[in-house]
Amino acid sequence: QVQLVESGGGLVQAGGSLRLSCAASGRTFSSYAMGWFRQAPGKEREFVAGIRWISGPTYYADSVKGRFTISRANAKNTVFLQMNSLKPEDTAVYYCAAAPGRVAPPSELDEYDYWGQGTQVTVSS
């Protein structure tokens, strides 16, 4: 059974940084694409960043390009989201997700089969 567990959320002032982690377990993820999504109160869940587990480029939403970096540590089955220059509008619950058999990480929610429980990120002004 696939499990994704996020950690690293918290409260930070505008301009600060946080690093989120997503620990994956339950199977071999070499053919998976991994994504980070977020959902702010009253808004739909949206794509933030994506990466393929074994190789390939990274993908970002326009709103986070140049501020967020997605990376992976294959030996630890962990995906990271480094978030710099945080803004109040980045406040949301952040979710990690896994999409099996994808050449590139999709931006659509329904392309992902597995989701973590989410971690809260709050950016104060």
PDB file of N, CA and C in Angstrom:
ATOM      1  N   GLN A   1       0.847  -1.182   0.000  1.00  0.00           N
ATOM      2  CA  GLN A   1       0.000   0.000   0.000  1.00  0.00           C
ATOM      3  C   GLN A   1       0.886   1.237   0.000  1.00  0.00           C
ATOM      4  N   VAL A   2       0.591   2.157  -0.900  1.00  0.00           N
ATOM      5  CA  VAL A   2       1.391   3.370  -1.013  1.00  0.00           C
ATOM      6  C   VAL A   2       1.027   4.343   0.093  1.00  0.00           C
ATOM      7  N   GLN A   3       2.061   4.876   0.715  1.00  0.00           N
ATOM      8  CA  GLN A   3       1.845   5.920   1.725  1.00  0.00           C
ATOM      9  C   GLN A   3       2.720   7.112   1.408  1.00  0.00           C
ATOM     10  N   LEU A   4       2.138   8.285   1.512  1.00  0.00           N
ATOM     11  CA  LEU A   4       2.866   9.541   1.350  1.00  0.00           C
ATOM     12  C   LEU A   4       2.648  10.355   2.616  1.00  0.00           C
ATOM     13  N   VAL A   5       3.740  10.771   3.231  1.00  0.00           N
ATOM     14  CA  VAL A   5       3.643  11.518   4.482  1.00  0.00           C
ATOM     15  C   VAL A   5       4.411  12.822   4.343  1.00  0.00           C
ATOM     16  N   GLU A   6       3.683  13.935   4.423  1.00  0.00           N
ATOM     17  CA  GLU A   6       4.308  15.251   4.336  1.00  0.00           C
ATOM     18  C   GLU A   6       4.718  15.750   5.711  1.00  0.00           C
ATOM     19  N   SER A   7       5.737  16.582   5.716  1.00  0.00           N
ATOM     20  CA  SER A   7       6.164  17.244   6.952  1.00  0.00           C
ATOM     21  C   SER A   7       6.866  18.535   6.576  1.00  0.00           C
ATOM     22  N   GLY A   8       7.082  19.381   7.585  1.00  0.00           N
ATOM     23  CA  GLY A   8       7.856  20.598   7.365  1.00  0.00           C
ATOM     24  C   GLY A   8       7.046  21.872   7.302  1.00  0.00           C
ATOM     25  N   GLY A   9       5.729  21.773   7.366  1.00  0.00           N
ATOM     26  CA  GLY A   9       4.914  22.979   7.345  1.00  0.00           C
ATOM     27  C   GLY A   9       5.049  23.764   8.642  1.00  0.00           C
ATOM     28  N   GLY A  10       4.476  24.951   8.640  1.00  0.00           N
ATOM     29  CA  GLY A  10       4.527  25.770   9.843  1.00  0.00           C
ATOM     30  C   GLY A  10       4.156  27.201   9.556  1.00  0.00           C
ATOM     31  N   LEU A  11       4.444  28.055  10.537  1.00  0.00           N
ATOM     32  CA  LEU A  11       4.164  29.487  10.444  1.00  0.00           C
ATOM     33  C   LEU A  11       5.468  30.228  10.179  1.00  0.00           C
ATOM     34  N   VAL A  12       5.463  31.095   9.184  1.00  0.00           N
ATOM     35  CA  VAL A  12       6.665  31.848   8.820  1.00  0.00           C
ATOM     36  C   VAL A  12       6.250  33.256   8.393  1.00  0.00           C
ATOM     37  N   GLN A  13       7.140  34.204   8.586  1.00  0.00           N
ATOM     38  CA  GLN A  13       6.864  35.561   8.151  1.00  0.00           C
ATOM     39  C   GLN A  13       7.104  35.703   6.656  1.00  0.00           C
ATOM     40  N   ALA A  14       6.453  36.666   6.063  1.00  0.00           N
ATOM     41  CA  ALA A  14       6.653  36.948   4.641  1.00  0.00           C
ATOM     42  C   ALA A  14       8.140  37.189   4.377  1.00  0.00           C
ATOM     43  N   GLY A  15       8.616  36.595   3.284  1.00  0.00           N
ATOM     44  CA  GLY A  15      10.030  36.677   2.947  1.00  0.00           C
ATOM     45  C   GLY A  15      10.851  35.524   3.479  1.00  0.00           C
ATOM     46  N   GLY A  16      10.264  34.730   4.339  1.00  0.00           N
ATOM     47  CA  GLY A  16      10.970  33.603   4.933  1.00  0.00           C
ATOM     48  C   GLY A  16      10.946  32.367   4.059  1.00  0.00           C
ATOM     49  N   SER A  17      11.482  31.277   4.613  1.00  0.00           N
ATOM     50  CA  SER A  17      11.609  30.022   3.869  1.00  0.00           C
ATOM     51  C   SER A  17      11.112  28.848   4.690  1.00  0.00           C
ATOM     52  N   LEU A  18      10.681  27.830   3.988  1.00  0.00           N
ATOM     53  CA  LEU A  18      10.331  26.541   4.591  1.00  0.00           C
ATOM     54  C   LEU A  18      10.721  25.451   3.602  1.00  0.00           C
ATOM     55  N   ARG A  19      11.027  24.277   4.130  1.00  0.00           N
ATOM     56  CA  ARG A  19      11.258  23.127   3.266  1.00  0.00           C
ATOM     57  C   ARG A  19      10.297  22.020   3.659  1.00  0.00           C
ATOM     58  N   LEU A  20       9.478  21.631   2.710  1.00  0.00           N
ATOM     59  CA  LEU A  20       8.548  20.535   2.918  1.00  0.00           C
ATOM     60  C   LEU A  20       9.179  19.226   2.448  1.00  0.00           C
ATOM     61  N   SER A  21       8.836  18.153   3.137  1.00  0.00           N
ATOM     62  CA  SER A  21       9.302  16.819   2.761  1.00  0.00           C
ATOM     63  C   SER A  21       8.107  15.910   2.539  1.00  0.00           C
ATOM     64  N   CYS A  22       8.272  14.975   1.630  1.00  0.00           N
ATOM     65  CA  CYS A  22       7.255  13.959   1.372  1.00  0.00           C
ATOM     66  C   CYS A  22       7.955  12.608   1.355  1.00  0.00           C
ATOM     67  N   ALA A  23       7.708  11.812   2.365  1.00  0.00           N
ATOM     68  CA  ALA A  23       8.297  10.482   2.457  1.00  0.00           C
ATOM     69  C   ALA A  23       7.346   9.468   1.849  1.00  0.00           C
ATOM     70  N   ALA A  24       7.831   8.728   0.856  1.00  0.00           N
ATOM     71  CA  ALA A  24       7.004   7.768   0.134  1.00  0.00           C
ATOM     72  C   ALA A  24       7.392   6.341   0.513  1.00  0.00           C
ATOM     73  N   SER A  25       6.416   5.476   0.652  1.00  0.00           N
ATOM     74  CA  SER A  25       6.681   4.075   0.974  1.00  0.00           C
ATOM     75  C   SER A  25       5.600   3.192   0.363  1.00  0.00           C
ATOM     76  N   GLY A  26       5.904   1.924   0.266  1.00  0.00           N
ATOM     77  CA  GLY A  26       4.900   0.969  -0.171  1.00  0.00           C
ATOM     78  C   GLY A  26       5.168   0.305  -1.497  1.00  0.00           C
ATOM     79  N   ARG A  27       6.017   0.895  -2.328  1.00  0.00           N
ATOM     80  CA  ARG A  27       6.359   0.266  -3.593  1.00  0.00           C
ATOM     81  C   ARG A  27       7.560   0.976  -4.204  1.00  0.00           C
ATOM     82  N   THR A  28       7.966   0.501  -5.367  1.00  0.00           N
ATOM     83  CA  THR A  28       9.064   1.145  -6.075  1.00  0.00           C
ATOM     84  C   THR A  28       8.517   2.315  -6.887  1.00  0.00           C
ATOM     85  N   PHE A  29       9.118   3.462  -6.727  1.00  0.00           N
ATOM     86  CA  PHE A  29       8.573   4.666  -7.335  1.00  0.00           C
ATOM     87  C   PHE A  29       9.327   5.118  -8.580  1.00  0.00           C
ATOM     88  N   SER A  30      10.168   4.249  -9.117  1.00  0.00           N
ATOM     89  CA  SER A  30      11.029   4.666 -10.221  1.00  0.00           C
ATOM     90  C   SER A  30      10.243   5.107 -11.450  1.00  0.00           C
ATOM     91  N   SER A  31       9.025   4.608 -11.651  1.00  0.00           N
ATOM     92  CA  SER A  31       8.240   4.989 -12.829  1.00  0.00           C
ATOM     93  C   SER A  31       7.182   6.043 -12.506  1.00  0.00           C
ATOM     94  N   TYR A  32       7.270   6.624 -11.353  1.00  0.00           N
ATOM     95  CA  TYR A  32       6.255   7.575 -10.915  1.00  0.00           C
ATOM     96  C   TYR A  32       6.688   9.014 -11.196  1.00  0.00           C
ATOM     97  N   ALA A  33       5.688   9.866 -11.353  1.00  0.00           N
ATOM     98  CA  ALA A  33       5.892  11.308 -11.276  1.00  0.00           C
ATOM     99  C   ALA A  33       5.311  11.779  -9.945  1.00  0.00           C
ATOM    100  N   MET A  34       5.967  12.750  -9.353  1.00  0.00           N
ATOM    101  CA  MET A  34       5.544  13.269  -8.046  1.00  0.00           C
ATOM    102  C   MET A  34       5.174  14.732  -8.174  1.00  0.00           C
ATOM    103  N   GLY A  35       4.152  15.121  -7.466  1.00  0.00           N
ATOM    104  CA  GLY A  35       3.720  16.510  -7.530  1.00  0.00           C
ATOM    105  C   GLY A  35       3.440  17.076  -6.153  1.00  0.00           C
ATOM    106  N   TRP A  36       3.587  18.373  -6.069  1.00  0.00           N
ATOM    107  CA  TRP A  36       3.130  19.128  -4.900  1.00  0.00           C
ATOM    108  C   TRP A  36       1.941  19.991  -5.334  1.00  0.00           C
ATOM    109  N   PHE A  37       0.905  19.955  -4.526  1.00  0.00           N
ATOM    110  CA  PHE A  37      -0.286  20.766  -4.744  1.00  0.00           C
ATOM    111  C   PHE A  37      -0.549  21.569  -3.481  1.00  0.00           C
ATOM    112  N   ARG A  38      -1.408  22.566  -3.594  1.00  0.00           N
ATOM    113  CA  ARG A  38      -1.813  23.312  -2.406  1.00  0.00           C
ATOM    114  C   ARG A  38      -3.276  23.718  -2.527  1.00  0.00           C
ATOM    115  N   GLN A  39      -3.884  23.902  -1.365  1.00  0.00           N
ATOM    116  CA  GLN A  39      -5.274  24.316  -1.326  1.00  0.00           C
ATOM    117  C   GLN A  39      -5.447  25.358  -0.235  1.00  0.00           C
ATOM    118  N   ALA A  40      -5.803  26.554  -0.649  1.00  0.00           N
ATOM    119  CA  ALA A  40      -6.075  27.641   0.284  1.00  0.00           C
ATOM    120  C   ALA A  40      -7.556  27.611   0.653  1.00  0.00           C
ATOM    121  N   PRO A  41      -7.923  28.196   1.798  1.00  0.00           N
ATOM    122  CA  PRO A  41      -9.328  28.200   2.214  1.00  0.00           C
ATOM    123  C   PRO A  41     -10.224  28.810   1.144  1.00  0.00           C
ATOM    124  N   GLY A  42     -11.282  28.089   0.803  1.00  0.00           N
ATOM    125  CA  GLY A  42     -12.244  28.585  -0.163  1.00  0.00           C
ATOM    126  C   GLY A  42     -11.813  28.492  -1.611  1.00  0.00           C
ATOM    127  N   LYS A  43     -10.652  27.878  -1.859  1.00  0.00           N
ATOM    128  CA  LYS A  43     -10.152  27.768  -3.225  1.00  0.00           C
ATOM    129  C   LYS A  43      -9.954  26.309  -3.610  1.00  0.00           C
ATOM    130  N   GLU A  44      -9.828  26.080  -4.896  1.00  0.00           N
ATOM    131  CA  GLU A  44      -9.587  24.731  -5.383  1.00  0.00           C
ATOM    132  C   GLU A  44      -8.126  24.344  -5.187  1.00  0.00           C
ATOM    133  N   ARG A  45      -7.893  23.057  -5.108  1.00  0.00           N
ATOM    134  CA  ARG A  45      -6.531  22.568  -5.007  1.00  0.00           C
ATOM    135  C   ARG A  45      -5.818  22.834  -6.330  1.00  0.00           C
ATOM    136  N   GLU A  46      -4.581  23.318  -6.247  1.00  0.00           N
ATOM    137  CA  GLU A  46      -3.871  23.690  -7.455  1.00  0.00           C
ATOM    138  C   GLU A  46      -2.462  23.103  -7.485  1.00  0.00           C
ATOM    139  N   PHE A  47      -1.992  22.875  -8.690  1.00  0.00           N
ATOM    140  CA  PHE A  47      -0.649  22.350  -8.916  1.00  0.00           C
ATOM    141  C   PHE A  47       0.387  23.402  -8.544  1.00  0.00           C
ATOM    142  N   VAL A  48       1.446  22.949  -7.859  1.00  0.00           N
ATOM    143  CA  VAL A  48       2.535  23.842  -7.477  1.00  0.00           C
ATOM    144  C   VAL A  48       3.823  23.481  -8.211  1.00  0.00           C
ATOM    145  N   ALA A  49       4.201  22.200  -8.128  1.00  0.00           N
ATOM    146  CA  ALA A  49       5.458  21.768  -8.744  1.00  0.00           C
ATOM    147  C   ALA A  49       5.426  20.262  -8.967  1.00  0.00           C
ATOM    148  N   GLY A  50       6.236  19.802  -9.930  1.00  0.00           N
ATOM    149  CA  GLY A  50       6.272  18.374 -10.208  1.00  0.00           C
ATOM    150  C   GLY A  50       7.644  17.916 -10.660  1.00  0.00           C
ATOM    151  N   ILE A  51       7.911  16.622 -10.466  1.00  0.00           N
ATOM    152  CA  ILE A  51       9.192  16.040 -10.828  1.00  0.00           C
ATOM    153  C   ILE A  51       8.984  14.559 -11.101  1.00  0.00           C
ATOM    154  N   ARG A  52       9.779  14.030 -12.030  1.00  0.00           N
ATOM    155  CA  ARG A  52       9.716  12.591 -12.260  1.00  0.00           C
ATOM    156  C   ARG A  52      10.719  11.938 -11.325  1.00  0.00           C
ATOM    157  N   TRP A  53      10.412  10.754 -10.855  1.00  0.00           N
ATOM    158  CA  TRP A  53      11.199  10.176  -9.779  1.00  0.00           C
ATOM    159  C   TRP A  53      12.642   9.920 -10.179  1.00  0.00           C
ATOM    160  N   ILE A  54      12.889   9.436 -11.415  1.00  0.00           N
ATOM    161  CA  ILE A  54      14.245   9.015 -11.731  1.00  0.00           C
ATOM    162  C   ILE A  54      15.027  10.020 -12.560  1.00  0.00           C
ATOM    163  N   SER A  55      14.387  10.819 -13.340  1.00  0.00           N
ATOM    164  CA  SER A  55      15.134  11.765 -14.166  1.00  0.00           C
ATOM    165  C   SER A  55      14.165  12.755 -14.799  1.00  0.00           C
ATOM    166  N   GLY A  56      14.714  13.731 -15.494  1.00  0.00           N
ATOM    167  CA  GLY A  56      13.861  14.644 -16.231  1.00  0.00           C
ATOM    168  C   GLY A  56      13.776  16.011 -15.614  1.00  0.00           C
ATOM    169  N   PRO A  57      13.132  16.919 -16.317  1.00  0.00           N
ATOM    170  CA  PRO A  57      13.042  18.292 -15.833  1.00  0.00           C
ATOM    171  C   PRO A  57      12.025  18.430 -14.703  1.00  0.00           C
ATOM    172  N   THR A  58      12.003  19.618 -14.133  1.00  0.00           N
ATOM    173  CA  THR A  58      11.023  19.953 -13.113  1.00  0.00           C
ATOM    174  C   THR A  58      10.019  20.943 -13.686  1.00  0.00           C
ATOM    175  N   TYR A  59       8.871  21.006 -13.083  1.00  0.00           N
ATOM    176  CA  TYR A  59       7.777  21.849 -13.566  1.00  0.00           C
ATOM    177  C   TYR A  59       7.227  22.671 -12.406  1.00  0.00           C
ATOM    178  N   TYR A  60       6.842  23.907 -12.714  1.00  0.00           N
ATOM    179  CA  TYR A  60       6.347  24.803 -11.682  1.00  0.00           C
ATOM    180  C   TYR A  60       5.157  25.604 -12.172  1.00  0.00           C
ATOM    181  N   ALA A  61       4.268  25.907 -11.237  1.00  0.00           N
ATOM    182  CA  ALA A  61       3.225  26.881 -11.527  1.00  0.00           C
ATOM    183  C   ALA A  61       3.884  28.256 -11.664  1.00  0.00           C
ATOM    184  N   ASP A  62       3.308  29.095 -12.504  1.00  0.00           N
ATOM    185  CA  ASP A  62       3.881  30.425 -12.718  1.00  0.00           C
ATOM    186  C   ASP A  62       3.990  31.214 -11.417  1.00  0.00           C
ATOM    187  N   SER A  63       3.067  30.987 -10.512  1.00  0.00           N
ATOM    188  CA  SER A  63       3.029  31.766  -9.272  1.00  0.00           C
ATOM    189  C   SER A  63       4.200  31.470  -8.339  1.00  0.00           C
ATOM    190  N   VAL A  64       4.896  30.355  -8.562  1.00  0.00           N
ATOM    191  CA  VAL A  64       5.993  29.990  -7.649  1.00  0.00           C
ATOM    192  C   VAL A  64       7.348  29.905  -8.347  1.00  0.00           C
ATOM    193  N   LYS A  65       7.371  30.071  -9.656  1.00  0.00           N
ATOM    194  CA  LYS A  65       8.634  29.982 -10.400  1.00  0.00           C
ATOM    195  C   LYS A  65       9.647  30.982  -9.857  1.00  0.00           C
ATOM    196  N   GLY A  66      10.871  30.499  -9.669  1.00  0.00           N
ATOM    197  CA  GLY A  66      11.933  31.358  -9.160  1.00  0.00           C
ATOM    198  C   GLY A  66      11.970  31.443  -7.648  1.00  0.00           C
ATOM    199  N   ARG A  67      10.936  30.937  -6.971  1.00  0.00           N
ATOM    200  CA  ARG A  67      10.893  30.978  -5.498  1.00  0.00           C
ATOM    201  C   ARG A  67      10.899  29.576  -4.895  1.00  0.00           C
ATOM    202  N   PHE A  68      10.256  28.629  -5.566  1.00  0.00           N
ATOM    203  CA  PHE A  68      10.148  27.258  -5.053  1.00  0.00           C
ATOM    204  C   PHE A  68      11.024  26.333  -5.885  1.00  0.00           C
ATOM    205  N   THR A  69      11.567  25.318  -5.229  1.00  0.00           N
ATOM    206  CA  THR A  69      12.366  24.314  -5.918  1.00  0.00           C
ATOM    207  C   THR A  69      11.947  22.932  -5.446  1.00  0.00           C
ATOM    208  N   ILE A  70      11.609  22.061  -6.410  1.00  0.00           N
ATOM    209  CA  ILE A  70      11.281  20.674  -6.094  1.00  0.00           C
ATOM    210  C   ILE A  70      12.509  19.820  -6.363  1.00  0.00           C
ATOM    211  N   SER A  71      12.751  18.853  -5.489  1.00  0.00           N
ATOM    212  CA  SER A  71      13.892  17.955  -5.660  1.00  0.00           C
ATOM    213  C   SER A  71      13.553  16.608  -5.034  1.00  0.00           C
ATOM    214  N   ARG A  72      14.454  15.644  -5.203  1.00  0.00           N
ATOM    215  CA  ARG A  72      14.192  14.311  -4.658  1.00  0.00           C
ATOM    216  C   ARG A  72      15.484  13.723  -4.117  1.00  0.00           C
ATOM    217  N   ALA A  73      15.324  12.815  -3.175  1.00  0.00           N
ATOM    218  CA  ALA A  73      16.426  12.018  -2.662  1.00  0.00           C
ATOM    219  C   ALA A  73      16.017  10.571  -2.867  1.00  0.00           C
ATOM    220  N   ASN A  74      16.459  10.000  -3.990  1.00  0.00           N
ATOM    221  CA  ASN A  74      15.976   8.672  -4.374  1.00  0.00           C
ATOM    222  C   ASN A  74      16.263   7.615  -3.321  1.00  0.00           C
ATOM    223  N   ALA A  75      17.429   7.663  -2.738  1.00  0.00           N
ATOM    224  CA  ALA A  75      17.794   6.637  -1.767  1.00  0.00           C
ATOM    225  C   ALA A  75      16.891   6.666  -0.535  1.00  0.00           C
ATOM    226  N   LYS A  76      16.301   7.835  -0.290  1.00  0.00           N
ATOM    227  CA  LYS A  76      15.439   7.968   0.885  1.00  0.00           C
ATOM    228  C   LYS A  76      13.962   7.969   0.512  1.00  0.00           C
ATOM    229  N   ASN A  77      13.652   7.783  -0.777  1.00  0.00           N
ATOM    230  CA  ASN A  77      12.254   7.827  -1.231  1.00  0.00           C
ATOM    231  C   ASN A  77      11.549   9.085  -0.738  1.00  0.00           C
ATOM    232  N   THR A  78      12.233  10.200  -0.868  1.00  0.00           N
ATOM    233  CA  THR A  78      11.705  11.459  -0.349  1.00  0.00           C
ATOM    234  C   THR A  78      11.762  12.542  -1.419  1.00  0.00           C
ATOM    235  N   VAL A  79      10.701  13.316  -1.493  1.00  0.00           N
ATOM    236  CA  VAL A  79      10.630  14.471  -2.382  1.00  0.00           C
ATOM    237  C   VAL A  79      10.522  15.720  -1.516  1.00  0.00           C
ATOM    238  N   PHE A  80      11.205  16.770  -1.934  1.00  0.00           N
ATOM    239  CA  PHE A  80      11.244  18.004  -1.167  1.00  0.00           C
ATOM    240  C   PHE A  80      10.644  19.156  -1.961  1.00  0.00           C
ATOM    241  N   LEU A  81      10.168  20.139  -1.225  1.00  0.00           N
ATOM    242  CA  LEU A  81       9.763  21.405  -1.825  1.00  0.00           C
ATOM    243  C   LEU A  81      10.385  22.523  -0.995  1.00  0.00           C
ATOM    244  N   GLN A  82      11.431  23.129  -1.547  1.00  0.00           N
ATOM    245  CA  GLN A  82      12.062  24.261  -0.890  1.00  0.00           C
ATOM    246  C   GLN A  82      11.320  25.524  -1.302  1.00  0.00           C
ATOM    247  N   MET A  83      10.821  26.238  -0.311  1.00  0.00           N
ATOM    248  CA  MET A  83      10.013  27.429  -0.580  1.00  0.00           C
ATOM    249  C   MET A  83      10.719  28.643  -0.004  1.00  0.00           C
ATOM    250  N   ASN A  84      11.137  29.549  -0.877  1.00  0.00           N
ATOM    251  CA  ASN A  84      11.817  30.767  -0.471  1.00  0.00           C
ATOM    252  C   ASN A  84      10.962  31.986  -0.816  1.00  0.00           C
ATOM    253  N   SER A  85      11.303  33.112  -0.221  1.00  0.00           N
ATOM    254  CA  SER A  85      10.587  34.370  -0.488  1.00  0.00           C
ATOM    255  C   SER A  85       9.076  34.178  -0.380  1.00  0.00           C
ATOM    256  N   LEU A  86       8.672  33.553   0.697  1.00  0.00           N
ATOM    257  CA  LEU A  86       7.263  33.229   0.865  1.00  0.00           C
ATOM    258  C   LEU A  86       6.417  34.488   1.002  1.00  0.00           C
ATOM    259  N   LYS A  87       5.194  34.379   0.468  1.00  0.00           N
ATOM    260  CA  LYS A  87       4.240  35.476   0.481  1.00  0.00           C
ATOM    261  C   LYS A  87       2.980  35.035   1.223  1.00  0.00           C
ATOM    262  N   PRO A  88       2.215  35.976   1.745  1.00  0.00           N
ATOM    263  CA  PRO A  88       0.958  35.584   2.421  1.00  0.00           C
ATOM    264  C   PRO A  88       0.044  34.754   1.519  1.00  0.00           C
ATOM    265  N   GLU A  89       0.073  35.014   0.230  1.00  0.00           N
ATOM    266  CA  GLU A  89      -0.777  34.249  -0.685  1.00  0.00           C
ATOM    267  C   GLU A  89      -0.303  32.811  -0.891  1.00  0.00           C
ATOM    268  N   ASP A  90       0.847  32.453  -0.339  1.00  0.00           N
ATOM    269  CA  ASP A  90       1.287  31.055  -0.367  1.00  0.00           C
ATOM    270  C   ASP A  90       0.657  30.248   0.761  1.00  0.00           C
ATOM    271  N   THR A  91      -0.074  30.910   1.647  1.00  0.00           N
ATOM    272  CA  THR A  91      -0.728  30.216   2.748  1.00  0.00           C
ATOM    273  C   THR A  91      -1.731  29.195   2.221  1.00  0.00           C
ATOM    274  N   ALA A  92      -1.567  27.939   2.645  1.00  0.00           N
ATOM    275  CA  ALA A  92      -2.413  26.862   2.149  1.00  0.00           C
ATOM    276  C   ALA A  92      -2.016  25.566   2.851  1.00  0.00           C
ATOM    277  N   VAL A  93      -2.829  24.538   2.652  1.00  0.00           N
ATOM    278  CA  VAL A  93      -2.414  23.190   2.988  1.00  0.00           C
ATOM    279  C   VAL A  93      -1.709  22.622   1.763  1.00  0.00           C
ATOM    280  N   TYR A  94      -0.504  22.105   1.956  1.00  0.00           N
ATOM    281  CA  TYR A  94       0.299  21.576   0.862  1.00  0.00           C
ATOM    282  C   TYR A  94       0.247  20.051   0.879  1.00  0.00           C
ATOM    283  N   TYR A  95      -0.003  19.487  -0.300  1.00  0.00           N
ATOM    284  CA  TYR A  95      -0.151  18.048  -0.450  1.00  0.00           C
ATOM    285  C   TYR A  95       0.891  17.500  -1.411  1.00  0.00           C
ATOM    286  N   CYS A  96       1.381  16.331  -1.084  1.00  0.00           N
ATOM    287  CA  CYS A  96       2.241  15.567  -1.971  1.00  0.00           C
ATOM    288  C   CYS A  96       1.372  14.517  -2.668  1.00  0.00           C
ATOM    289  N   ALA A  97       1.686  14.233  -3.947  1.00  0.00           N
ATOM    290  CA  ALA A  97       0.893  13.265  -4.692  1.00  0.00           C
ATOM    291  C   ALA A  97       1.782  12.469  -5.624  1.00  0.00           C
ATOM    292  N   ALA A  98       1.351  11.246  -5.947  1.00  0.00           N
ATOM    293  CA  ALA A  98       2.116  10.357  -6.820  1.00  0.00           C
ATOM    294  C   ALA A  98       1.256   9.885  -7.981  1.00  0.00           C
ATOM    295  N   ALA A  99       1.847   9.975  -9.187  1.00  0.00           N
ATOM    296  CA  ALA A  99       1.157   9.548 -10.406  1.00  0.00           C
ATOM    297  C   ALA A  99       1.975   8.440 -11.063  1.00  0.00           C
ATOM    298  N   PRO A 100       1.451   7.219 -11.121  1.00  0.00           N
ATOM    299  CA  PRO A 100       2.232   6.115 -11.687  1.00  0.00           C
ATOM    300  C   PRO A 100       2.344   6.188 -13.203  1.00  0.00           C
ATOM    301  N   GLY A 101       3.498   5.785 -13.711  1.00  0.00           N
ATOM    302  CA  GLY A 101       3.676   5.597 -15.145  1.00  0.00           C
ATOM    303  C   GLY A 101       3.601   6.850 -15.985  1.00  0.00           C
ATOM    304  N   ARG A 102       3.969   7.987 -15.447  1.00  0.00           N
ATOM    305  CA  ARG A 102       3.907   9.241 -16.201  1.00  0.00           C
ATOM    306  C   ARG A 102       5.284   9.653 -16.693  1.00  0.00           C
ATOM    307  N   VAL A 103       5.368  10.071 -17.941  1.00  0.00           N
ATOM    308  CA  VAL A 103       6.629  10.574 -18.477  1.00  0.00           C
ATOM    309  C   VAL A 103       6.956  11.924 -17.858  1.00  0.00           C
ATOM    310  N   ALA A 104       5.959  12.736 -17.681  1.00  0.00           N
ATOM    311  CA  ALA A 104       6.138  14.050 -17.059  1.00  0.00           C
ATOM    312  C   ALA A 104       5.062  14.224 -15.995  1.00  0.00           C
ATOM    313  N   PRO A 105       5.354  14.964 -14.936  1.00  0.00           N
ATOM    314  CA  PRO A 105       4.362  15.131 -13.883  1.00  0.00           C
ATOM    315  C   PRO A 105       3.175  15.946 -14.367  1.00  0.00           C
ATOM    316  N   PRO A 106       1.977  15.393 -14.305  1.00  0.00           N
ATOM    317  CA  PRO A 106       0.807  16.136 -14.760  1.00  0.00           C
ATOM    318  C   PRO A 106       0.423  17.225 -13.774  1.00  0.00           C
ATOM    319  N   SER A 107      -0.317  18.210 -14.250  1.00  0.00           N
ATOM    320  CA  SER A 107      -0.786  19.286 -13.386  1.00  0.00           C
ATOM    321  C   SER A 107      -2.237  19.072 -12.955  1.00  0.00           C
ATOM    322  N   GLU A 108      -2.892  18.042 -13.515  1.00  0.00           N
ATOM    323  CA  GLU A 108      -4.287  17.793 -13.177  1.00  0.00           C
ATOM    324  C   GLU A 108      -4.395  16.865 -11.979  1.00  0.00           C
ATOM    325  N   LEU A 109      -5.283  17.218 -11.052  1.00  0.00           N
ATOM    326  CA  LEU A 109      -5.437  16.438  -9.821  1.00  0.00           C
ATOM    327  C   LEU A 109      -5.804  14.985 -10.104  1.00  0.00           C
ATOM    328  N   ASP A 110      -6.686  14.763 -11.066  1.00  0.00           N
ATOM    329  CA  ASP A 110      -7.197  13.398 -11.257  1.00  0.00           C
ATOM    330  C   ASP A 110      -6.198  12.473 -11.944  1.00  0.00           C
ATOM    331  N   GLU A 111      -5.037  12.989 -12.299  1.00  0.00           N
ATOM    332  CA  GLU A 111      -3.973  12.136 -12.850  1.00  0.00           C
ATOM    333  C   GLU A 111      -3.156  11.480 -11.735  1.00  0.00           C
ATOM    334  N   TYR A 112      -3.366  11.892 -10.518  1.00  0.00           N
ATOM    335  CA  TYR A 112      -2.593  11.367  -9.397  1.00  0.00           C
ATOM    336  C   TYR A 112      -3.422  10.333  -8.641  1.00  0.00           C
ATOM    337  N   ASP A 113      -2.782   9.206  -8.357  1.00  0.00           N
ATOM    338  CA  ASP A 113      -3.485   8.113  -7.691  1.00  0.00           C
ATOM    339  C   ASP A 113      -3.353   8.144  -6.180  1.00  0.00           C
ATOM    340  N   TYR A 114      -2.282   8.726  -5.698  1.00  0.00           N
ATOM    341  CA  TYR A 114      -2.003   8.669  -4.264  1.00  0.00           C
ATOM    342  C   TYR A 114      -1.729  10.073  -3.734  1.00  0.00           C
ATOM    343  N   TRP A 115      -2.234  10.315  -2.506  1.00  0.00           N
ATOM    344  CA  TRP A 115      -2.106  11.631  -1.887  1.00  0.00           C
ATOM    345  C   TRP A 115      -1.686  11.484  -0.429  1.00  0.00           C
ATOM    346  N   GLY A 116      -0.924  12.467   0.030  1.00  0.00           N
ATOM    347  CA  GLY A 116      -0.628  12.543   1.452  1.00  0.00           C
ATOM    348  C   GLY A 116      -1.739  13.261   2.185  1.00  0.00           C
ATOM    349  N   GLN A 117      -1.555  13.395   3.497  1.00  0.00           N
ATOM    350  CA  GLN A 117      -2.598  13.997   4.333  1.00  0.00           C
ATOM    351  C   GLN A 117      -2.527  15.518   4.354  1.00  0.00           C
ATOM    352  N   GLY A 118      -1.416  16.073   3.869  1.00  0.00           N
ATOM    353  CA  GLY A 118      -1.274  17.524   3.817  1.00  0.00           C
ATOM    354  C   GLY A 118      -0.536  18.096   5.007  1.00  0.00           C
ATOM    355  N   THR A 119       0.110  19.231   4.782  1.00  0.00           N
ATOM    356  CA  THR A 119       0.782  19.955   5.853  1.00  0.00           C
ATOM    357  C   THR A 119       0.482  21.440   5.683  1.00  0.00           C
ATOM    358  N   GLN A 120       0.164  22.092   6.780  1.00  0.00           N
ATOM    359  CA  GLN A 120      -0.266  23.494   6.739  1.00  0.00           C
ATOM    360  C   GLN A 120       0.941  24.424   6.655  1.00  0.00           C
ATOM    361  N   VAL A 121       0.868  25.359   5.720  1.00  0.00           N
ATOM    362  CA  VAL A 121       1.854  26.432   5.612  1.00  0.00           C
ATOM    363  C   VAL A 121       1.110  27.752   5.781  1.00  0.00           C
ATOM    364  N   THR A 122       1.546  28.542   6.748  1.00  0.00           N
ATOM    365  CA  THR A 122       0.929  29.842   6.996  1.00  0.00           C
ATOM    366  C   THR A 122       2.007  30.916   6.925  1.00  0.00           C
ATOM    367  N   VAL A 123       1.785  31.903   6.067  1.00  0.00           N
ATOM    368  CA  VAL A 123       2.738  32.993   5.887  1.00  0.00           C
ATOM    369  C   VAL A 123       2.079  34.277   6.381  1.00  0.00           C
ATOM    370  N   SER A 124       2.679  34.870   7.397  1.00  0.00           N
ATOM    371  CA  SER A 124       2.124  36.095   7.968  1.00  0.00           C
ATOM    372  C   SER A 124       2.752  37.327   7.300  1.00  0.00           C
ATOM    373  N   SER A 125       1.957  38.368   7.226  1.00  0.00           N
ATOM    374  CA  SER A 125       2.447  39.601   6.568  1.00  0.00           C
ATOM    375  C   SER A 125       3.128  40.532   7.564  1.00  0.00           C
TER     376      SER A 125
END
